[in-house]
Amino acid sequence: MLRKEKIFLFLVLLLAIIRGSSYIFIKNIIAIQSPFEIIFFRFFLTGIILLIFYIKDFKKLNSYDFIFGLLAGIFLFSAFAFQTYGLKYTTVSKQSFLTSLYIIVIPLLDFIFFKNKIKKNVITLFFLILIGLFFISFKDFKNFEISLNFGDILTLLCALGFALNILLFSK
């Protein structure tokens, strides 16, 4: 493997570790501050930083770019809002799994909105993920009792928000 590829793989691993550990960090912060305060500060600070670096580009926006950016922002904000608020009511491990469902939701939405064919391996992965969801949602195996709580539902909406954001950028 080339040196650049190794560096890239290391950076991807590092980012995955940081992203994965952020669930625990946010779960602890939710005990002190409300989820929407956390979301407000994350997006407000990010917006200020982006405005500083891209003020010249912001002045050149046309209506298409404005609408595209507005939709992308709404989808991204909703994803993070549902995720942060949902984490208040569910476990870190369950949320990390449920959030990752956006990966499989993207091809489904692509089929629904744009009639693009779903590949067979995506269908297989979809059923494997459903089996995983089935197992992590069991409250009681003996009585076949499934437990999806309010936080889990919010996290599923989070996955939908991420999927819509990514699908919008792909088109």
Protein backbone atom coordinates (compact mmCIF):
# COMPACT_ATOMS: atom_id res chain seq x y z
CA MET A 1 0.00 0.00 0.00
CA LEU A 2 1.20 3.47 -0.78
CA ARG A 3 2.10 5.88 1.98
CA LYS A 4 -0.76 8.25 1.07
CA GLU A 5 -3.27 5.40 1.23
CA LYS A 6 -2.05 4.41 4.70
CA ILE A 7 -2.32 8.00 5.90
CA PHE A 8 -5.82 8.23 4.42
CA LEU A 9 -6.92 4.99 6.10
CA PHE A 10 -5.47 6.17 9.40
CA LEU A 11 -7.37 9.47 9.12
CA VAL A 12 -10.61 7.63 8.32
CA LEU A 13 -10.08 5.42 11.37
CA LEU A 14 -9.32 8.46 13.53
CA LEU A 15 -12.46 10.22 12.30
CA ALA A 16 -14.54 7.10 12.99
CA ILE A 17 -13.19 6.97 16.54
CA ILE A 18 -13.92 10.66 17.10
CA ARG A 19 -17.42 10.34 15.61
CA GLY A 20 -18.19 7.22 17.61
CA SER A 21 -16.99 8.69 20.88
CA SER A 22 -19.04 11.85 20.32
CA TYR A 23 -22.20 9.88 21.20
CA ILE A 24 -20.88 9.32 24.72
CA PHE A 25 -19.79 12.95 25.00
CA ILE A 26 -23.20 14.27 23.87
CA LYS A 27 -25.04 11.80 26.14
CA ASN A 28 -23.16 13.27 29.12
CA ILE A 29 -23.78 16.88 28.04
CA ILE A 30 -27.53 16.26 27.66
CA ALA A 31 -27.67 15.74 31.43
CA ILE A 32 -26.51 19.36 31.87
CA GLN A 33 -27.99 21.23 28.88
CA SER A 34 -31.08 20.76 26.74
CA PRO A 35 -30.62 19.05 23.37
CA PHE A 36 -31.74 22.13 21.48
CA GLU A 37 -29.22 24.34 23.27
CA ILE A 38 -26.51 21.94 22.15
CA ILE A 39 -27.82 21.96 18.57
CA PHE A 40 -28.13 25.76 18.55
CA PHE A 41 -24.54 26.30 19.63
CA ARG A 42 -23.17 23.67 17.24
CA PHE A 43 -24.94 25.17 14.23
CA PHE A 44 -24.51 28.80 15.28
CA LEU A 45 -20.76 28.42 15.74
CA THR A 46 -20.42 26.44 12.52
CA GLY A 47 -22.45 29.07 10.67
CA ILE A 48 -20.27 31.89 11.98
CA ILE A 49 -17.06 30.06 11.03
CA LEU A 50 -18.35 29.24 7.53
CA LEU A 51 -19.54 32.82 7.04
CA ILE A 52 -16.08 34.13 7.93
CA PHE A 53 -14.39 31.87 5.37
CA TYR A 54 -17.03 32.10 2.64
CA ILE A 55 -18.45 35.64 2.94
CA LYS A 56 -17.46 36.47 -0.65
CA ASP A 57 -19.18 33.33 -1.98
CA PHE A 58 -22.25 34.04 0.14
CA LYS A 59 -22.69 37.39 -1.58
CA LYS A 60 -22.77 35.67 -5.01
CA LEU A 61 -25.61 33.24 -4.19
CA ASN A 62 -28.31 32.82 -6.80
CA SER A 63 -31.83 31.58 -6.02
CA TYR A 64 -31.01 27.96 -6.99
CA ASP A 65 -28.00 27.86 -4.64
CA PHE A 66 -30.02 29.53 -1.89
CA ILE A 67 -32.89 27.02 -2.12
CA PHE A 68 -30.47 24.08 -2.40
CA GLY A 69 -28.52 25.32 0.64
CA LEU A 70 -31.70 25.95 2.60
CA LEU A 71 -33.00 22.41 1.93
CA ALA A 72 -29.61 20.86 2.71
CA GLY A 73 -29.46 22.88 5.94
CA ILE A 74 -32.98 21.86 6.97
CA PHE A 75 -32.24 18.17 6.38
CA LEU A 76 -28.91 18.35 8.20
CA PHE A 77 -30.33 20.35 11.10
CA SER A 78 -33.27 17.96 11.46
CA ALA A 79 -30.90 14.99 11.46
CA PHE A 80 -28.74 16.44 14.23
CA ALA A 81 -31.76 17.70 16.18
CA PHE A 82 -33.51 14.31 16.09
CA GLN A 83 -30.23 12.58 16.93
CA THR A 84 -29.38 14.80 19.88
CA TYR A 85 -32.91 14.84 21.28
CA GLY A 86 -33.28 11.09 20.69
CA LEU A 87 -30.08 10.36 22.60
CA LYS A 88 -31.79 11.71 25.70
CA TYR A 89 -34.22 8.76 25.58
CA THR A 90 -32.15 5.87 24.20
CA THR A 91 -28.79 4.23 24.73
CA VAL A 92 -25.58 5.21 22.97
CA SER A 93 -25.15 1.78 21.37
CA LYS A 94 -28.71 1.66 20.07
CA GLN A 95 -28.45 5.16 18.67
CA SER A 96 -25.18 4.53 16.88
CA PHE A 97 -26.74 1.52 15.16
CA LEU A 98 -29.99 3.29 14.30
CA THR A 99 -28.22 6.38 12.98
CA SER A 100 -26.14 4.25 10.63
CA LEU A 101 -29.36 3.11 8.95
CA TYR A 102 -29.10 6.22 6.76
CA ILE A 103 -26.68 4.20 4.64
CA ILE A 104 -29.44 1.83 3.61
CA VAL A 105 -32.19 4.48 3.51
CA ILE A 106 -30.39 6.42 0.75
CA PRO A 107 -30.91 3.78 -2.00
CA LEU A 108 -34.51 3.30 -0.86
CA LEU A 109 -35.23 7.03 -1.15
CA ASP A 110 -33.36 7.12 -4.46
CA PHE A 111 -35.75 4.45 -5.72
CA ILE A 112 -38.84 6.21 -4.33
CA PHE A 113 -38.01 9.71 -5.61
CA PHE A 114 -35.96 9.02 -8.73
CA LYS A 115 -36.97 5.46 -9.71
CA ASN A 116 -33.33 4.29 -9.69
CA LYS A 117 -33.06 0.52 -9.39
CA ILE A 118 -31.94 -0.90 -6.05
CA LYS A 119 -28.97 -3.26 -6.30
CA LYS A 120 -29.34 -6.81 -4.99
CA ASN A 121 -26.56 -6.38 -2.43
CA VAL A 122 -28.42 -3.36 -0.99
CA ILE A 123 -31.56 -5.46 -0.59
CA THR A 124 -29.51 -8.13 1.18
CA LEU A 125 -27.95 -5.51 3.47
CA PHE A 126 -31.40 -4.07 4.16
CA PHE A 127 -32.63 -7.43 5.45
CA LEU A 128 -29.46 -7.96 7.50
CA ILE A 129 -29.95 -4.55 9.09
CA LEU A 130 -33.58 -5.36 9.83
CA ILE A 131 -32.40 -8.53 11.59
CA GLY A 132 -29.90 -6.42 13.58
CA LEU A 133 -32.63 -3.94 14.45
CA PHE A 134 -34.83 -6.83 15.49
CA PHE A 135 -32.18 -8.14 17.89
CA ILE A 136 -31.25 -4.82 19.50
CA SER A 137 -34.92 -3.95 19.94
CA PHE A 138 -35.84 -7.04 21.95
CA LYS A 139 -36.91 -6.26 25.46
CA ASP A 140 -37.73 -9.86 26.32
CA PHE A 141 -36.75 -12.80 24.07
CA LYS A 142 -38.90 -15.26 26.01
CA ASN A 143 -42.16 -13.35 25.54
CA PHE A 144 -41.18 -11.96 22.12
CA GLU A 145 -41.53 -8.39 23.36
CA ILE A 146 -39.95 -5.68 21.19
CA SER A 147 -39.06 -2.30 22.61
CA LEU A 148 -38.67 0.77 20.43
CA ASN A 149 -38.84 3.86 22.61
CA PHE A 150 -39.35 7.54 21.81
CA GLY A 151 -35.58 8.06 21.47
CA ASP A 152 -35.34 5.21 18.97
CA ILE A 153 -38.09 6.72 16.82
CA LEU A 154 -36.37 10.13 16.91
CA THR A 155 -33.10 8.46 15.93
CA LEU A 156 -34.79 6.76 12.97
CA LEU A 157 -35.98 10.23 11.90
CA CYS A 158 -32.36 11.35 12.30
CA ALA A 159 -31.26 8.64 9.86
CA LEU A 160 -33.93 9.87 7.43
CA GLY A 161 -32.61 13.43 7.74
CA PHE A 162 -29.03 12.35 7.01
CA ALA A 163 -30.22 10.24 4.06
CA LEU A 164 -32.21 13.13 2.57
CA ASN A 165 -29.24 15.47 2.99
CA ILE A 166 -26.84 13.06 1.26
CA LEU A 167 -29.37 12.25 -1.50
CA LEU A 168 -29.84 15.98 -2.14
CA PHE A 169 -26.08 16.48 -2.51
CA SER A 170 -25.77 13.45 -4.78
CA LYS A 171 -28.31 14.93 -7.20
